[in-house]
Amino acid sequence: MTTPPRVTSVVINAADHDLLVGFWKELLGVEVARSFPPYFTWLAPQEGTGVSVAIQAVRELTPGRNRLHLDTEVADIEAAVARIEALGGSFLEDHEIGGFAWKVMADPEGNEFCIAPAH
């Protein structure tokens, strides 16, 4: 049996490379690990975390909606929303299923990601 691939990065496409490097670097509190400007930049992983992949079931694919997104968790949702907006991101919508609530946010180019309370 061959060894399965190991996930190393979640890649976000960007029209403005420097804008999104700055946004995600500040939001996640990490530094640049390596960069090949203006084409590629890898940010360092957050301390004590790894990459997690989740599958989300939807009734149907929505035209224009991102098919890949990051799920993140935060200690203070409202403070996180304010910080994301201050960095040029935006709030899109609230969700709640079975007592689990989260917010859908977007980076400055509209790439969606979710924030939920840390558990």
C-alpha atoms as a PDB file:
ATOM      1  CA  MET A   1       0.000   0.000   0.000  1.00  0.00           C
ATOM      2  CA  THR A   2       1.337   3.435  -0.874  1.00  0.00           C
ATOM      3  CA  THR A   3       1.472   6.237   1.652  1.00  0.00           C
ATOM      4  CA  PRO A   4      -1.410   8.692   1.191  1.00  0.00           C
ATOM      5  CA  PRO A   5      -0.596  12.288   0.290  1.00  0.00           C
ATOM      6  CA  ARG A   6      -0.019  14.632   3.213  1.00  0.00           C
ATOM      7  CA  VAL A   7      -1.899  17.927   3.103  1.00  0.00           C
ATOM      8  CA  THR A   8       0.582  20.776   3.434  1.00  0.00           C
ATOM      9  CA  SER A   9      -1.252  23.913   2.290  1.00  0.00           C
ATOM     10  CA  VAL A  10      -4.669  25.332   1.590  1.00  0.00           C
ATOM     11  CA  VAL A  11      -4.145  27.662  -1.373  1.00  0.00           C
ATOM     12  CA  ILE A  12      -6.176  30.824  -1.916  1.00  0.00           C
ATOM     13  CA  ASN A  13      -6.109  32.333  -5.409  1.00  0.00           C
ATOM     14  CA  ALA A  14      -5.511  36.073  -5.434  1.00  0.00           C
ATOM     15  CA  ALA A  15      -5.634  38.860  -8.006  1.00  0.00           C
ATOM     16  CA  ASP A  16      -3.620  41.086  -5.636  1.00  0.00           C
ATOM     17  CA  HIS A  17      -0.935  38.831  -4.146  1.00  0.00           C
ATOM     18  CA  ASP A  18       0.475  41.358  -1.670  1.00  0.00           C
ATOM     19  CA  LEU A  19      -2.972  42.397  -0.393  1.00  0.00           C
ATOM     20  CA  LEU A  20      -3.952  38.838   0.517  1.00  0.00           C
ATOM     21  CA  VAL A  21      -0.520  37.930   1.921  1.00  0.00           C
ATOM     22  CA  GLY A  22      -0.838  40.900   4.276  1.00  0.00           C
ATOM     23  CA  PHE A  23      -4.458  40.106   5.191  1.00  0.00           C
ATOM     24  CA  TRP A  24      -3.959  36.414   6.000  1.00  0.00           C
ATOM     25  CA  LYS A  25      -0.575  36.983   7.679  1.00  0.00           C
ATOM     26  CA  GLU A  26      -2.066  39.551  10.069  1.00  0.00           C
ATOM     27  CA  LEU A  27      -5.330  37.676  10.631  1.00  0.00           C
ATOM     28  CA  LEU A  28      -3.602  34.389  11.494  1.00  0.00           C
ATOM     29  CA  GLY A  29      -0.716  36.002  13.407  1.00  0.00           C
ATOM     30  CA  VAL A  30       1.993  34.216  11.426  1.00  0.00           C
ATOM     31  CA  GLU A  31       5.027  35.117   9.348  1.00  0.00           C
ATOM     32  CA  VAL A  32       5.959  34.316   5.786  1.00  0.00           C
ATOM     33  CA  ALA A  33       7.687  30.925   5.584  1.00  0.00           C
ATOM     34  CA  ARG A  34       8.827  31.272   1.962  1.00  0.00           C
ATOM     35  CA  SER A  35       7.928  33.440  -0.956  1.00  0.00           C
ATOM     36  CA  PHE A  36       8.430  33.690  -4.711  1.00  0.00           C
ATOM     37  CA  PRO A  37       7.023  37.171  -5.347  1.00  0.00           C
ATOM     38  CA  PRO A  38       4.851  38.111  -6.989  1.00  0.00           C
ATOM     39  CA  TYR A  39       3.584  34.583  -7.575  1.00  0.00           C
ATOM     40  CA  PHE A  40       3.694  32.399  -4.460  1.00  0.00           C
ATOM     41  CA  THR A  41       3.928  32.895  -0.701  1.00  0.00           C
ATOM     42  CA  TRP A  42       3.634  30.235   1.964  1.00  0.00           C
ATOM     43  CA  LEU A  43       2.747  31.411   5.462  1.00  0.00           C
ATOM     44  CA  ALA A  44       4.106  29.577   8.490  1.00  0.00           C
ATOM     45  CA  PRO A  45       1.606  27.273  10.228  1.00  0.00           C
ATOM     46  CA  GLN A  46       0.061  28.509  13.445  1.00  0.00           C
ATOM     47  CA  GLU A  47       1.829  27.183  16.514  1.00  0.00           C
ATOM     48  CA  GLY A  48       0.340  23.937  17.805  1.00  0.00           C
ATOM     49  CA  THR A  49      -2.034  23.421  14.886  1.00  0.00           C
ATOM     50  CA  GLY A  50      -2.170  21.340  11.746  1.00  0.00           C
ATOM     51  CA  VAL A  51      -4.135  21.420   8.551  1.00  0.00           C
ATOM     52  CA  SER A  52      -7.677  20.148   8.787  1.00  0.00           C
ATOM     53  CA  VAL A  53      -9.896  19.261   5.852  1.00  0.00           C
ATOM     54  CA  ALA A  54     -13.687  19.227   6.130  1.00  0.00           C
ATOM     55  CA  ILE A  55     -16.420  18.294   3.673  1.00  0.00           C
ATOM     56  CA  GLN A  56     -19.573  20.406   3.640  1.00  0.00           C
ATOM     57  CA  ALA A  57     -22.769  19.050   2.122  1.00  0.00           C
ATOM     58  CA  VAL A  58     -24.910  21.569   0.235  1.00  0.00           C
ATOM     59  CA  ARG A  59     -28.201  21.191  -1.562  1.00  0.00           C
ATOM     60  CA  GLU A  60     -26.682  22.436  -4.791  1.00  0.00           C
ATOM     61  CA  LEU A  61     -23.642  24.342  -5.887  1.00  0.00           C
ATOM     62  CA  THR A  62     -24.301  28.052  -5.914  1.00  0.00           C
ATOM     63  CA  PRO A  63     -22.886  29.906  -8.927  1.00  0.00           C
ATOM     64  CA  GLY A  64     -20.135  32.284  -7.879  1.00  0.00           C
ATOM     65  CA  ARG A  65     -19.693  30.799  -4.414  1.00  0.00           C
ATOM     66  CA  ASN A  66     -16.288  29.482  -3.416  1.00  0.00           C
ATOM     67  CA  ARG A  67     -15.985  25.708  -3.504  1.00  0.00           C
ATOM     68  CA  LEU A  68     -13.085  25.695  -1.051  1.00  0.00           C
ATOM     69  CA  HIS A  69     -12.889  27.641   2.180  1.00  0.00           C
ATOM     70  CA  LEU A  70     -11.158  27.704   5.532  1.00  0.00           C
ATOM     71  CA  ASP A  71     -12.924  26.928   8.804  1.00  0.00           C
ATOM     72  CA  THR A  72     -11.376  28.757  11.738  1.00  0.00           C
ATOM     73  CA  GLU A  73     -12.176  29.046  15.413  1.00  0.00           C
ATOM     74  CA  VAL A  74     -11.831  32.090  17.641  1.00  0.00           C
ATOM     75  CA  ALA A  75     -12.258  32.896  21.327  1.00  0.00           C
ATOM     76  CA  ASP A  76     -14.277  36.084  20.714  1.00  0.00           C
ATOM     77  CA  ILE A  77     -16.483  36.114  17.593  1.00  0.00           C
ATOM     78  CA  GLU A  78     -17.357  39.822  17.690  1.00  0.00           C
ATOM     79  CA  ALA A  79     -13.729  40.874  18.179  1.00  0.00           C
ATOM     80  CA  ALA A  80     -12.752  38.616  15.271  1.00  0.00           C
ATOM     81  CA  VAL A  81     -15.404  40.175  13.008  1.00  0.00           C
ATOM     82  CA  ALA A  82     -14.145  43.662  13.881  1.00  0.00           C
ATOM     83  CA  ARG A  83     -10.524  42.672  13.193  1.00  0.00           C
ATOM     84  CA  ILE A  84     -11.386  41.019   9.871  1.00  0.00           C
ATOM     85  CA  GLU A  85     -13.310  44.114   8.775  1.00  0.00           C
ATOM     86  CA  ALA A  86     -10.448  46.393   9.892  1.00  0.00           C
ATOM     87  CA  LEU A  87      -8.072  44.344   7.727  1.00  0.00           C
ATOM     88  CA  GLY A  88     -10.326  44.806   4.682  1.00  0.00           C
ATOM     89  CA  GLY A  89     -12.431  41.650   4.973  1.00  0.00           C
ATOM     90  CA  SER A  90     -16.200  41.532   5.339  1.00  0.00           C
ATOM     91  CA  PHE A  91     -19.043  39.762   7.115  1.00  0.00           C
ATOM     92  CA  LEU A  92     -21.326  37.769   4.782  1.00  0.00           C
ATOM     93  CA  GLU A  93     -23.812  35.797   6.875  1.00  0.00           C
ATOM     94  CA  ASP A  94     -24.643  33.998  10.122  1.00  0.00           C
ATOM     95  CA  HIS A  95     -25.440  30.288  10.386  1.00  0.00           C
ATOM     96  CA  GLU A  96     -26.630  27.981  13.142  1.00  0.00           C
ATOM     97  CA  ILE A  97     -27.330  24.265  13.048  1.00  0.00           C
ATOM     98  CA  GLY A  98     -28.167  22.215  16.130  1.00  0.00           C
ATOM     99  CA  GLY A  99     -26.743  24.761  18.553  1.00  0.00           C
ATOM    100  CA  PHE A 100     -23.518  25.220  16.584  1.00  0.00           C
ATOM    101  CA  ALA A 101     -23.211  28.788  15.287  1.00  0.00           C
ATOM    102  CA  TRP A 102     -20.677  30.357  12.929  1.00  0.00           C
ATOM    103  CA  LYS A 103     -20.189  33.380  10.708  1.00  0.00           C
ATOM    104  CA  VAL A 104     -19.221  33.378   7.052  1.00  0.00           C
ATOM    105  CA  MET A 105     -16.642  36.049   6.313  1.00  0.00           C
ATOM    106  CA  ALA A 106     -14.705  37.068   3.198  1.00  0.00           C
ATOM    107  CA  ASP A 107     -11.185  38.307   2.615  1.00  0.00           C
ATOM    108  CA  PRO A 108     -10.631  41.510   0.601  1.00  0.00           C
ATOM    109  CA  GLU A 109     -11.136  39.644  -2.709  1.00  0.00           C
ATOM    110  CA  GLY A 110     -14.292  37.794  -1.639  1.00  0.00           C
ATOM    111  CA  ASN A 111     -12.736  34.431  -0.746  1.00  0.00           C
ATOM    112  CA  GLU A 112     -15.020  33.007   1.926  1.00  0.00           C
ATOM    113  CA  PHE A 113     -14.001  31.534   5.263  1.00  0.00           C
ATOM    114  CA  CYS A 114     -15.869  30.669   8.446  1.00  0.00           C
ATOM    115  CA  ILE A 115     -15.274  31.678  12.043  1.00  0.00           C
ATOM    116  CA  ALA A 116     -16.767  29.727  14.923  1.00  0.00           C
ATOM    117  CA  PRO A 117     -16.320  29.797  18.696  1.00  0.00           C
ATOM    118  CA  ALA A 118     -13.321  27.840  19.952  1.00  0.00           C
ATOM    119  CA  HIS A 119     -14.285  24.620  21.639  1.00  0.00           C
END
